[in-house]
Amino acid sequence: VDDLEPALARALEAGALQEGDIREANWGRIVQIADPFGHGWC
């Protein structure tokens, strides 16, 4: 995604569950989510 926070908000509004905090490294930022069907995504 181009901008993590709005993308995360959109996924959560759609029914995803956030799994942990947003993490940052020199290459980028990442957050783990699960869809409503139990599948993991980042």
PDB file of all heavy atoms in Angstrom:
ATOM      1  N   VAL A   1       0.845  -1.195   0.000  1.00  0.00           N
ATOM      2  CA  VAL A   1       0.000   0.000   0.000  1.00  0.00           C
ATOM      3  C   VAL A   1       0.882   1.247   0.000  1.00  0.00           C
ATOM      4  O   VAL A   1       2.051   1.202   0.403  1.00  0.00           O
ATOM      5  CB  VAL A   1      -0.947   0.010   1.222  1.00  0.00           C
ATOM      6  CG1 VAL A   1      -1.881  -1.204   1.183  1.00  0.00           C
ATOM      7  CG2 VAL A   1      -0.190   0.056   2.529  1.00  0.00           C
ATOM      8  N   ASP A   2       0.314   2.358  -0.433  1.00  0.00           N
ATOM      9  CA  ASP A   2       1.048   3.617  -0.439  1.00  0.00           C
ATOM     10  C   ASP A   2       1.089   4.269   0.939  1.00  0.00           C
ATOM     11  O   ASP A   2       2.059   4.937   1.278  1.00  0.00           O
ATOM     12  CB  ASP A   2       0.421   4.601  -1.442  1.00  0.00           C
ATOM     13  CG  ASP A   2       0.594   4.150  -2.877  1.00  0.00           C
ATOM     14  OD1 ASP A   2       1.613   3.495  -3.193  1.00  0.00           O
ATOM     15  OD2 ASP A   2      -0.303   4.443  -3.694  1.00  0.00           O
ATOM     16  N   ASP A   3       0.024   4.099   1.720  1.00  0.00           N
ATOM     17  CA  ASP A   3      -0.094   4.750   3.017  1.00  0.00           C
ATOM     18  C   ASP A   3      -0.742   3.758   3.982  1.00  0.00           C
ATOM     19  O   ASP A   3      -1.915   3.400   3.824  1.00  0.00           O
ATOM     20  CB  ASP A   3      -0.933   6.019   2.866  1.00  0.00           C
ATOM     21  CG  ASP A   3      -0.840   6.936   4.073  1.00  0.00           C
ATOM     22  OD1 ASP A   3      -0.218   6.555   5.087  1.00  0.00           O
ATOM     23  OD2 ASP A   3      -1.411   8.042   4.001  1.00  0.00           O
ATOM     24  N   LEU A   4       0.014   3.305   4.969  1.00  0.00           N
ATOM     25  CA  LEU A   4      -0.403   2.189   5.816  1.00  0.00           C
ATOM     26  C   LEU A   4      -1.637   2.477   6.666  1.00  0.00           C
ATOM     27  O   LEU A   4      -2.548   1.649   6.733  1.00  0.00           O
ATOM     28  CB  LEU A   4       0.771   1.756   6.702  1.00  0.00           C
ATOM     29  CG  LEU A   4       0.600   0.436   7.435  1.00  0.00           C
ATOM     30  CD1 LEU A   4       0.350  -0.708   6.482  1.00  0.00           C
ATOM     31  CD2 LEU A   4       1.815   0.155   8.290  1.00  0.00           C
ATOM     32  N   GLU A   5      -1.700   3.609   7.321  1.00  0.00           N
ATOM     33  CA  GLU A   5      -2.810   3.859   8.244  1.00  0.00           C
ATOM     34  C   GLU A   5      -4.177   3.847   7.562  1.00  0.00           C
ATOM     35  O   GLU A   5      -5.097   3.192   8.054  1.00  0.00           O
ATOM     36  CB  GLU A   5      -2.601   5.157   9.039  1.00  0.00           C
ATOM     37  CG  GLU A   5      -1.634   5.024  10.184  1.00  0.00           C
ATOM     38  CD  GLU A   5      -0.160   5.083   9.782  1.00  0.00           C
ATOM     39  OE1 GLU A   5       0.150   5.222   8.574  1.00  0.00           O
ATOM     40  OE2 GLU A   5       0.686   4.995  10.679  1.00  0.00           O
ATOM     41  N   PRO A   6      -4.366   4.555   6.446  1.00  0.00           N
ATOM     42  CA  PRO A   6      -5.678   4.490   5.792  1.00  0.00           C
ATOM     43  C   PRO A   6      -6.011   3.087   5.275  1.00  0.00           C
ATOM     44  O   PRO A   6      -7.162   2.663   5.324  1.00  0.00           O
ATOM     45  CB  PRO A   6      -5.577   5.483   4.636  1.00  0.00           C
ATOM     46  CG  PRO A   6      -4.429   6.357   4.958  1.00  0.00           C
ATOM     47  CD  PRO A   6      -3.500   5.554   5.818  1.00  0.00           C
ATOM     48  N   ALA A   7      -5.002   2.365   4.789  1.00  0.00           N
ATOM     49  CA  ALA A   7      -5.233   0.996   4.311  1.00  0.00           C
ATOM     50  C   ALA A   7      -5.651   0.090   5.464  1.00  0.00           C
ATOM     51  O   ALA A   7      -6.554  -0.740   5.320  1.00  0.00           O
ATOM     52  CB  ALA A   7      -3.984   0.459   3.621  1.00  0.00           C
ATOM     53  N   LEU A   8      -5.008   0.258   6.611  1.00  0.00           N
ATOM     54  CA  LEU A   8      -5.366  -0.533   7.788  1.00  0.00           C
ATOM     55  C   LEU A   8      -6.780  -0.186   8.240  1.00  0.00           C
ATOM     56  O   LEU A   8      -7.583  -1.081   8.533  1.00  0.00           O
ATOM     57  CB  LEU A   8      -4.362  -0.300   8.915  1.00  0.00           C
ATOM     58  CG  LEU A   8      -4.674  -0.985  10.244  1.00  0.00           C
ATOM     59  CD1 LEU A   8      -4.778  -2.500  10.080  1.00  0.00           C
ATOM     60  CD2 LEU A   8      -3.616  -0.609  11.284  1.00  0.00           C
ATOM     61  N   ALA A   9      -7.108   1.082   8.292  1.00  0.00           N
ATOM     62  CA  ALA A   9      -8.449   1.498   8.708  1.00  0.00           C
ATOM     63  C   ALA A   9      -9.511   0.898   7.781  1.00  0.00           C
ATOM     64  O   ALA A   9     -10.554   0.423   8.243  1.00  0.00           O
ATOM     65  CB  ALA A   9      -8.547   3.020   8.731  1.00  0.00           C
ATOM     66  N   ARG A  10      -9.231   0.902   6.496  1.00  0.00           N
ATOM     67  CA  ARG A  10     -10.170   0.338   5.520  1.00  0.00           C
ATOM     68  C   ARG A  10     -10.350  -1.160   5.730  1.00  0.00           C
ATOM     69  O   ARG A  10     -11.476  -1.674   5.712  1.00  0.00           O
ATOM     70  CB  ARG A  10      -9.653   0.629   4.115  1.00  0.00           C
ATOM     71  CG  ARG A  10     -10.592   0.250   3.017  1.00  0.00           C
ATOM     72  CD  ARG A  10     -10.132   0.901   1.746  1.00  0.00           C
ATOM     73  NE  ARG A  10     -10.047  -0.097   0.695  1.00  0.00           N
ATOM     74  CZ  ARG A  10      -9.750   0.184  -0.551  1.00  0.00           C
ATOM     75  NH1 ARG A  10      -9.467   1.422  -0.906  1.00  0.00           N
ATOM     76  NH2 ARG A  10      -9.722  -0.752  -1.446  1.00  0.00           N
ATOM     77  N   ALA A  11      -9.262  -1.877   5.964  1.00  0.00           N
ATOM     78  CA  ALA A  11      -9.341  -3.324   6.197  1.00  0.00           C
ATOM     79  C   ALA A  11     -10.100  -3.630   7.483  1.00  0.00           C
ATOM     80  O   ALA A  11     -10.936  -4.538   7.530  1.00  0.00           O
ATOM     81  CB  ALA A  11      -7.941  -3.926   6.235  1.00  0.00           C
ATOM     82  N   LEU A  12      -9.832  -2.864   8.541  1.00  0.00           N
ATOM     83  CA  LEU A  12     -10.523  -3.077   9.814  1.00  0.00           C
ATOM     84  C   LEU A  12     -12.016  -2.787   9.677  1.00  0.00           C
ATOM     85  O   LEU A  12     -12.850  -3.536  10.200  1.00  0.00           O
ATOM     86  CB  LEU A  12      -9.909  -2.210  10.913  1.00  0.00           C
ATOM     87  CG  LEU A  12      -8.454  -2.536  11.281  1.00  0.00           C
ATOM     88  CD1 LEU A  12      -7.929  -1.526  12.289  1.00  0.00           C
ATOM     89  CD2 LEU A  12      -8.306  -3.961  11.789  1.00  0.00           C
ATOM     90  N   GLU A  13     -12.355  -1.731   8.969  1.00  0.00           N
ATOM     91  CA  GLU A  13     -13.763  -1.391   8.740  1.00  0.00           C
ATOM     92  C   GLU A  13     -14.476  -2.503   7.967  1.00  0.00           C
ATOM     93  O   GLU A  13     -15.657  -2.772   8.189  1.00  0.00           O
ATOM     94  CB  GLU A  13     -13.864  -0.062   7.985  1.00  0.00           C
ATOM     95  CG  GLU A  13     -15.267   0.364   7.658  1.00  0.00           C
ATOM     96  CD  GLU A  13     -16.094   0.759   8.875  1.00  0.00           C
ATOM     97  OE1 GLU A  13     -15.520   1.155   9.904  1.00  0.00           O
ATOM     98  OE2 GLU A  13     -17.333   0.678   8.783  1.00  0.00           O
ATOM     99  N   ALA A  14     -13.745  -3.179   7.086  1.00  0.00           N
ATOM    100  CA  ALA A  14     -14.329  -4.262   6.286  1.00  0.00           C
ATOM    101  C   ALA A  14     -14.467  -5.558   7.075  1.00  0.00           C
ATOM    102  O   ALA A  14     -15.140  -6.479   6.620  1.00  0.00           O
ATOM    103  CB  ALA A  14     -13.471  -4.499   5.042  1.00  0.00           C
ATOM    104  N   GLY A  15     -13.818  -5.634   8.250  1.00  0.00           N
ATOM    105  CA  GLY A  15     -13.957  -6.834   9.074  1.00  0.00           C
ATOM    106  C   GLY A  15     -12.667  -7.548   9.413  1.00  0.00           C
ATOM    107  O   GLY A  15     -12.696  -8.600  10.059  1.00  0.00           O
ATOM    108  N   ALA A  16     -11.532  -7.012   9.005  1.00  0.00           N
ATOM    109  CA  ALA A  16     -10.249  -7.626   9.361  1.00  0.00           C
ATOM    110  C   ALA A  16      -9.967  -7.405  10.846  1.00  0.00           C
ATOM    111  O   ALA A  16     -10.513  -6.493  11.468  1.00  0.00           O
ATOM    112  CB  ALA A  16      -9.117  -7.013   8.531  1.00  0.00           C
ATOM    113  N   LEU A  17      -9.108  -8.235  11.398  1.00  0.00           N
ATOM    114  CA  LEU A  17      -8.628  -8.074  12.768  1.00  0.00           C
ATOM    115  C   LEU A  17      -7.145  -7.741  12.724  1.00  0.00           C
ATOM    116  O   LEU A  17      -6.376  -8.412  12.033  1.00  0.00           O
ATOM    117  CB  LEU A  17      -8.835  -9.365  13.561  1.00  0.00           C
ATOM    118  CG  LEU A  17     -10.279  -9.824  13.735  1.00  0.00           C
ATOM    119  CD1 LEU A  17     -10.325 -11.184  14.403  1.00  0.00           C
ATOM    120  CD2 LEU A  17     -11.066  -8.794  14.521  1.00  0.00           C
ATOM    121  N   GLN A  18      -6.733  -6.714  13.437  1.00  0.00           N
ATOM    122  CA  GLN A  18      -5.327  -6.354  13.517  1.00  0.00           C
ATOM    123  C   GLN A  18      -4.643  -7.281  14.509  1.00  0.00           C
ATOM    124  O   GLN A  18      -5.154  -7.524  15.598  1.00  0.00           O
ATOM    125  CB  GLN A  18      -5.168  -4.900  13.966  1.00  0.00           C
ATOM    126  CG  GLN A  18      -3.737  -4.423  13.978  1.00  0.00           C
ATOM    127  CD  GLN A  18      -3.630  -2.941  14.271  1.00  0.00           C
ATOM    128  OE1 GLN A  18      -4.603  -2.197  14.173  1.00  0.00           O
ATOM    129  NE2 GLN A  18      -2.435  -2.497  14.625  1.00  0.00           N
ATOM    130  N   GLU A  19      -3.474  -7.776  14.141  1.00  0.00           N
ATOM    131  CA  GLU A  19      -2.718  -8.695  14.993  1.00  0.00           C
ATOM    132  C   GLU A  19      -1.360  -8.080  15.294  1.00  0.00           C
ATOM    133  O   GLU A  19      -0.389  -8.312  14.590  1.00  0.00           O
ATOM    134  CB  GLU A  19      -2.570 -10.046  14.313  1.00  0.00           C
ATOM    135  CG  GLU A  19      -3.910 -10.723  14.073  1.00  0.00           C
ATOM    136  CD  GLU A  19      -3.792 -12.097  13.465  1.00  0.00           C
ATOM    137  OE1 GLU A  19      -2.880 -12.330  12.657  1.00  0.00           O
ATOM    138  OE2 GLU A  19      -4.638 -12.944  13.797  1.00  0.00           O
ATOM    139  N   GLY A  20      -1.312  -7.283  16.321  1.00  0.00           N
ATOM    140  CA  GLY A  20      -0.065  -6.629  16.700  1.00  0.00           C
ATOM    141  C   GLY A  20      -0.002  -5.205  16.198  1.00  0.00           C
ATOM    142  O   GLY A  20      -0.865  -4.722  15.465  1.00  0.00           O
ATOM    143  N   ASP A  21       1.056  -4.542  16.633  1.00  0.00           N
ATOM    144  CA  ASP A  21       1.271  -3.137  16.291  1.00  0.00           C
ATOM    145  C   ASP A  21       1.896  -2.997  14.913  1.00  0.00           C
ATOM    146  O   ASP A  21       2.480  -3.952  14.379  1.00  0.00           O
ATOM    147  CB  ASP A  21       2.207  -2.486  17.313  1.00  0.00           C
ATOM    148  CG  ASP A  21       1.606  -2.451  18.709  1.00  0.00           C
ATOM    149  OD1 ASP A  21       0.365  -2.344  18.826  1.00  0.00           O
ATOM    150  OD2 ASP A  21       2.386  -2.537  19.687  1.00  0.00           O
ATOM    151  N   ILE A  22       1.813  -1.810  14.371  1.00  0.00           N
ATOM    152  CA  ILE A  22       2.556  -1.477  13.151  1.00  0.00           C
ATOM    153  C   ILE A  22       4.039  -1.504  13.512  1.00  0.00           C
ATOM    154  O   ILE A  22       4.452  -0.929  14.521  1.00  0.00           O
ATOM    155  CB  ILE A  22       2.151  -0.098  12.615  1.00  0.00           C
ATOM    156  CG1 ILE A  22       0.686  -0.127  12.147  1.00  0.00           C
ATOM    157  CG2 ILE A  22       3.081   0.350  11.494  1.00  0.00           C
ATOM    158  CD1 ILE A  22       0.132   1.225  11.729  1.00  0.00           C
ATOM    159  N   ARG A  23       4.822  -2.190  12.696  1.00  0.00           N
ATOM    160  CA  ARG A  23       6.273  -2.252  12.915  1.00  0.00           C
ATOM    161  C   ARG A  23       6.961  -1.487  11.781  1.00  0.00           C
ATOM    162  O   ARG A  23       6.483  -1.462  10.658  1.00  0.00           O
ATOM    163  CB  ARG A  23       6.740  -3.706  12.931  1.00  0.00           C
ATOM    164  CG  ARG A  23       6.106  -4.511  14.051  1.00  0.00           C
ATOM    165  CD  ARG A  23       6.666  -5.933  14.123  1.00  0.00           C
ATOM    166  NE  ARG A  23       6.824  -6.565  12.827  1.00  0.00           N
ATOM    167  CZ  ARG A  23       5.993  -7.489  12.336  1.00  0.00           C
ATOM    168  NH1 ARG A  23       4.948  -7.881  13.002  1.00  0.00           N
ATOM    169  NH2 ARG A  23       6.229  -8.033  11.163  1.00  0.00           N
ATOM    170  N   GLU A  24       8.106  -0.896  12.124  1.00  0.00           N
ATOM    171  CA  GLU A  24       8.841  -0.122  11.131  1.00  0.00           C
ATOM    172  C   GLU A  24      10.284  -0.582  11.080  1.00  0.00           C
ATOM    173  O   GLU A  24      10.891  -0.888  12.109  1.00  0.00           O
ATOM    174  CB  GLU A  24       8.769   1.372  11.464  1.00  0.00           C
ATOM    175  CG  GLU A  24       9.317   2.233  10.351  1.00  0.00           C
ATOM    176  CD  GLU A  24       8.924   3.688  10.463  1.00  0.00           C
ATOM    177  OE1 GLU A  24       7.821   3.977  10.972  1.00  0.00           O
ATOM    178  OE2 GLU A  24       9.730   4.525  10.028  1.00  0.00           O
ATOM    179  N   ALA A  25      10.810  -0.632   9.865  1.00  0.00           N
ATOM    180  CA  ALA A  25      12.216  -0.961   9.620  1.00  0.00           C
ATOM    181  C   ALA A  25      12.723   0.017   8.563  1.00  0.00           C
ATOM    182  O   ALA A  25      11.946   0.819   8.031  1.00  0.00           O
ATOM    183  CB  ALA A  25      12.354  -2.401   9.131  1.00  0.00           C
ATOM    184  N   ASN A  26      13.999  -0.050   8.237  1.00  0.00           N
ATOM    185  CA  ASN A  26      14.524   0.889   7.241  1.00  0.00           C
ATOM    186  C   ASN A  26      13.948   0.642   5.850  1.00  0.00           C
ATOM    187  O   ASN A  26      13.919   1.539   5.020  1.00  0.00           O
ATOM    188  CB  ASN A  26      16.048   0.887   7.212  1.00  0.00           C
ATOM    189  CG  ASN A  26      16.627  -0.463   6.875  1.00  0.00           C
ATOM    190  OD1 ASN A  26      15.990  -1.492   7.053  1.00  0.00           O
ATOM    191  ND2 ASN A  26      17.856  -0.473   6.387  1.00  0.00           N
ATOM    192  N   TRP A  27      13.433  -0.535   5.594  1.00  0.00           N
ATOM    193  CA  TRP A  27      12.840  -0.853   4.284  1.00  0.00           C
ATOM    194  C   TRP A  27      11.358  -0.499   4.190  1.00  0.00           C
ATOM    195  O   TRP A  27      10.799  -0.398   3.110  1.00  0.00           O
ATOM    196  CB  TRP A  27      13.020  -2.332   3.946  1.00  0.00           C
ATOM    197  CG  TRP A  27      12.527  -3.253   5.020  1.00  0.00           C
ATOM    198  CD1 TRP A  27      13.266  -3.810   6.027  1.00  0.00           C
ATOM    199  CD2 TRP A  27      11.188  -3.690   5.227  1.00  0.00           C
ATOM    200  NE1 TRP A  27      12.468  -4.568   6.846  1.00  0.00           N
ATOM    201  CE2 TRP A  27      11.185  -4.516   6.369  1.00  0.00           C
ATOM    202  CE3 TRP A  27       9.980  -3.471   4.570  1.00  0.00           C
ATOM    203  CZ2 TRP A  27      10.037  -5.118   6.858  1.00  0.00           C
ATOM    204  CZ3 TRP A  27       8.827  -4.073   5.053  1.00  0.00           C
ATOM    205  CH2 TRP A  27       8.875  -4.884   6.186  1.00  0.00           C
ATOM    206  N   GLY A  28      10.675  -0.359   5.369  1.00  0.00           N
ATOM    207  CA  GLY A  28       9.256  -0.040   5.293  1.00  0.00           C
ATOM    208  C   GLY A  28       8.514  -0.273   6.594  1.00  0.00           C
ATOM    209  O   GLY A  28       9.118  -0.482   7.652  1.00  0.00           O
ATOM    210  N   ARG A  29       7.206  -0.243   6.494  1.00  0.00           N
ATOM    211  CA  ARG A  29       6.314  -0.420   7.639  1.00  0.00           C
ATOM    212  C   ARG A  29       5.361  -1.566   7.329  1.00  0.00           C
ATOM    213  O   ARG A  29       4.941  -1.732   6.179  1.00  0.00           O
ATOM    214  CB  ARG A  29       5.526   0.863   7.872  1.00  0.00           C
ATOM    215  CG  ARG A  29       6.442   2.058   8.062  1.00  0.00           C
ATOM    216  CD  ARG A  29       5.685   3.379   8.044  1.00  0.00           C
ATOM    217  NE  ARG A  29       4.895   3.469   9.262  1.00  0.00           N
ATOM    218  CZ  ARG A  29       3.638   3.897   9.291  1.00  0.00           C
ATOM    219  NH1 ARG A  29       3.014   4.267   8.197  1.00  0.00           N
ATOM    220  NH2 ARG A  29       2.987   3.956  10.437  1.00  0.00           N
ATOM    221  N   ILE A  30       4.974  -2.333   8.370  1.00  0.00           N
ATOM    222  CA  ILE A  30       4.167  -3.526   8.154  1.00  0.00           C
ATOM    223  C   ILE A  30       3.237  -3.744   9.344  1.00  0.00           C
ATOM    224  O   ILE A  30       3.584  -3.411  10.481  1.00  0.00           O
ATOM    225  CB  ILE A  30       5.078  -4.757   7.925  1.00  0.00           C
ATOM    226  CG1 ILE A  30       4.281  -5.973   7.469  1.00  0.00           C
ATOM    227  CG2 ILE A  30       5.925  -5.054   9.147  1.00  0.00           C
ATOM    228  CD1 ILE A  30       5.167  -7.114   6.952  1.00  0.00           C
ATOM    229  N   VAL A  31       2.075  -4.294   9.062  1.00  0.00           N
ATOM    230  CA  VAL A  31       1.150  -4.696  10.121  1.00  0.00           C
ATOM    231  C   VAL A  31       0.476  -5.989   9.680  1.00  0.00           C
ATOM    232  O   VAL A  31       0.140  -6.166   8.505  1.00  0.00           O
ATOM    233  CB  VAL A  31       0.113  -3.593  10.444  1.00  0.00           C
ATOM    234  CG1 VAL A  31      -0.811  -3.311   9.284  1.00  0.00           C
ATOM    235  CG2 VAL A  31      -0.663  -3.937  11.704  1.00  0.00           C
ATOM    236  N   GLN A  32       0.293  -6.884  10.627  1.00  0.00           N
ATOM    237  CA  GLN A  32      -0.363  -8.161  10.358  1.00  0.00           C
ATOM    238  C   GLN A  32      -1.860  -8.018  10.632  1.00  0.00           C
ATOM    239  O   GLN A  32      -2.261  -7.394  11.615  1.00  0.00           O
ATOM    240  CB  GLN A  32       0.202  -9.258  11.247  1.00  0.00           C
ATOM    241  CG  GLN A  32       1.652  -9.585  10.918  1.00  0.00           C
ATOM    242  CD  GLN A  32       2.222 -10.525  11.949  1.00  0.00           C
ATOM    243  OE1 GLN A  32       2.829 -10.090  12.917  1.00  0.00           O
ATOM    244  NE2 GLN A  32       2.000 -11.807  11.738  1.00  0.00           N
ATOM    245  N   ILE A  33      -2.652  -8.631   9.757  1.00  0.00           N
ATOM    246  CA  ILE A  33      -4.098  -8.669   9.942  1.00  0.00           C
ATOM    247  C   ILE A  33      -4.590 -10.082   9.612  1.00  0.00           C
ATOM    248  O   ILE A  33      -3.876 -10.870   8.991  1.00  0.00           O
ATOM    249  CB  ILE A  33      -4.838  -7.633   9.064  1.00  0.00           C
ATOM    250  CG1 ILE A  33      -4.606  -7.901   7.578  1.00  0.00           C
ATOM    251  CG2 ILE A  33      -4.426  -6.215   9.436  1.00  0.00           C
ATOM    252  CD1 ILE A  33      -5.455  -7.046   6.646  1.00  0.00           C
ATOM    253  N   ALA A  34      -5.812 -10.373  10.030  1.00  0.00           N
ATOM    254  CA  ALA A  34      -6.486 -11.606   9.636  1.00  0.00           C
ATOM    255  C   ALA A  34      -7.810 -11.223   8.994  1.00  0.00           C
ATOM    256  O   ALA A  34      -8.494 -10.309   9.453  1.00  0.00           O
ATOM    257  CB  ALA A  34      -6.724 -12.496  10.850  1.00  0.00           C
ATOM    258  N   ASP A  35      -8.159 -11.912   7.917  1.00  0.00           N
ATOM    259  CA  ASP A  35      -9.454 -11.672   7.292  1.00  0.00           C
ATOM    260  C   ASP A  35     -10.541 -12.387   8.107  1.00  0.00           C
ATOM    261  O   ASP A  35     -10.235 -13.138   9.031  1.00  0.00           O
ATOM    262  CB  ASP A  35      -9.432 -12.076   5.808  1.00  0.00           C
ATOM    263  CG  ASP A  35      -9.366 -13.572   5.553  1.00  0.00           C
ATOM    264  OD1 ASP A  35      -9.639 -14.380   6.466  1.00  0.00           O
ATOM    265  OD2 ASP A  35      -9.040 -13.945   4.408  1.00  0.00           O
ATOM    266  N   PRO A  36     -11.804 -12.165   7.811  1.00  0.00           N
ATOM    267  CA  PRO A  36     -12.877 -12.782   8.599  1.00  0.00           C
ATOM    268  C   PRO A  36     -12.941 -14.305   8.472  1.00  0.00           C
ATOM    269  O   PRO A  36     -13.722 -14.940   9.166  1.00  0.00           O
ATOM    270  CB  PRO A  36     -14.153 -12.150   8.026  1.00  0.00           C
ATOM    271  CG  PRO A  36     -13.715 -10.897   7.363  1.00  0.00           C
ATOM    272  CD  PRO A  36     -12.325 -11.177   6.866  1.00  0.00           C
ATOM    273  N   PHE A  37     -12.120 -14.875   7.601  1.00  0.00           N
ATOM    274  CA  PHE A  37     -12.149 -16.312   7.341  1.00  0.00           C
ATOM    275  C   PHE A  37     -10.938 -17.025   7.922  1.00  0.00           C
ATOM    276  O   PHE A  37     -10.684 -18.182   7.622  1.00  0.00           O
ATOM    277  CB  PHE A  37     -12.264 -16.543   5.828  1.00  0.00           C
ATOM    278  CG  PHE A  37     -13.251 -15.593   5.208  1.00  0.00           C
ATOM    279  CD1 PHE A  37     -12.820 -14.519   4.462  1.00  0.00           C
ATOM    280  CD2 PHE A  37     -14.603 -15.733   5.449  1.00  0.00           C
ATOM    281  CE1 PHE A  37     -13.725 -13.605   3.937  1.00  0.00           C
ATOM    282  CE2 PHE A  37     -15.520 -14.823   4.934  1.00  0.00           C
ATOM    283  CZ  PHE A  37     -15.078 -13.763   4.172  1.00  0.00           C
ATOM    284  N   GLY A  38     -10.161 -16.304   8.748  1.00  0.00           N
ATOM    285  CA  GLY A  38      -9.040 -16.906   9.452  1.00  0.00           C
ATOM    286  C   GLY A  38      -7.703 -16.849   8.738  1.00  0.00           C
ATOM    287  O   GLY A  38      -6.707 -17.320   9.262  1.00  0.00           O
ATOM    288  N   HIS A  39      -7.655 -16.267   7.544  1.00  0.00           N
ATOM    289  CA  HIS A  39      -6.411 -16.215   6.772  1.00  0.00           C
ATOM    290  C   HIS A  39      -5.568 -15.010   7.177  1.00  0.00           C
ATOM    291  O   HIS A  39      -6.084 -13.913   7.354  1.00  0.00           O
ATOM    292  CB  HIS A  39      -6.701 -16.127   5.271  1.00  0.00           C
ATOM    293  CG  HIS A  39      -7.619 -17.189   4.762  1.00  0.00           C
ATOM    294  ND1 HIS A  39      -7.376 -18.530   4.914  1.00  0.00           N
ATOM    295  CD2 HIS A  39      -8.809 -17.103   4.119  1.00  0.00           C
ATOM    296  CE1 HIS A  39      -8.350 -19.227   4.372  1.00  0.00           C
ATOM    297  NE2 HIS A  39      -9.246 -18.384   3.885  1.00  0.00           N
ATOM    298  N   GLY A  40      -4.266 -15.204   7.291  1.00  0.00           N
ATOM    299  CA  GLY A  40      -3.350 -14.131   7.634  1.00  0.00           C
ATOM    300  C   GLY A  40      -2.905 -13.336   6.419  1.00  0.00           C
ATOM    301  O   GLY A  40      -2.686 -13.904   5.341  1.00  0.00           O
ATOM    302  N   TRP A  41      -2.766 -12.045   6.601  1.00  0.00           N
ATOM    303  CA  TRP A  41      -2.313 -11.113   5.570  1.00  0.00           C
ATOM    304  C   TRP A  41      -1.394 -10.098   6.237  1.00  0.00           C
ATOM    305  O   TRP A  41      -1.450  -9.908   7.447  1.00  0.00           O
ATOM    306  CB  TRP A  41      -3.499 -10.334   4.983  1.00  0.00           C
ATOM    307  CG  TRP A  41      -4.492 -11.174   4.256  1.00  0.00           C
ATOM    308  CD1 TRP A  41      -5.476 -11.948   4.812  1.00  0.00           C
ATOM    309  CD2 TRP A  41      -4.598 -11.333   2.851  1.00  0.00           C
ATOM    310  NE1 TRP A  41      -6.185 -12.562   3.826  1.00  0.00           N
ATOM    311  CE2 TRP A  41      -5.671 -12.203   2.611  1.00  0.00           C
ATOM    312  CE3 TRP A  41      -3.889 -10.817   1.775  1.00  0.00           C
ATOM    313  CZ2 TRP A  41      -6.053 -12.576   1.331  1.00  0.00           C
ATOM    314  CZ3 TRP A  41      -4.273 -11.181   0.497  1.00  0.00           C
ATOM    315  CH2 TRP A  41      -5.342 -12.055   0.284  1.00  0.00           C
ATOM    316  N   CYS A  42      -0.581  -9.422   5.447  1.00  0.00           N
ATOM    317  CA  CYS A  42       0.174  -8.274   5.940  1.00  0.00           C
ATOM    318  C   CYS A  42      -0.093  -7.093   5.015  1.00  0.00           C
ATOM    319  O   CYS A  42      -0.180  -7.256   3.798  1.00  0.00           O
ATOM    320  CB  CYS A  42       1.684  -8.547   5.954  1.00  0.00           C
ATOM    321  SG  CYS A  42       2.193  -9.699   7.230  1.00  0.00           S
TER     322      CYS A  42
END
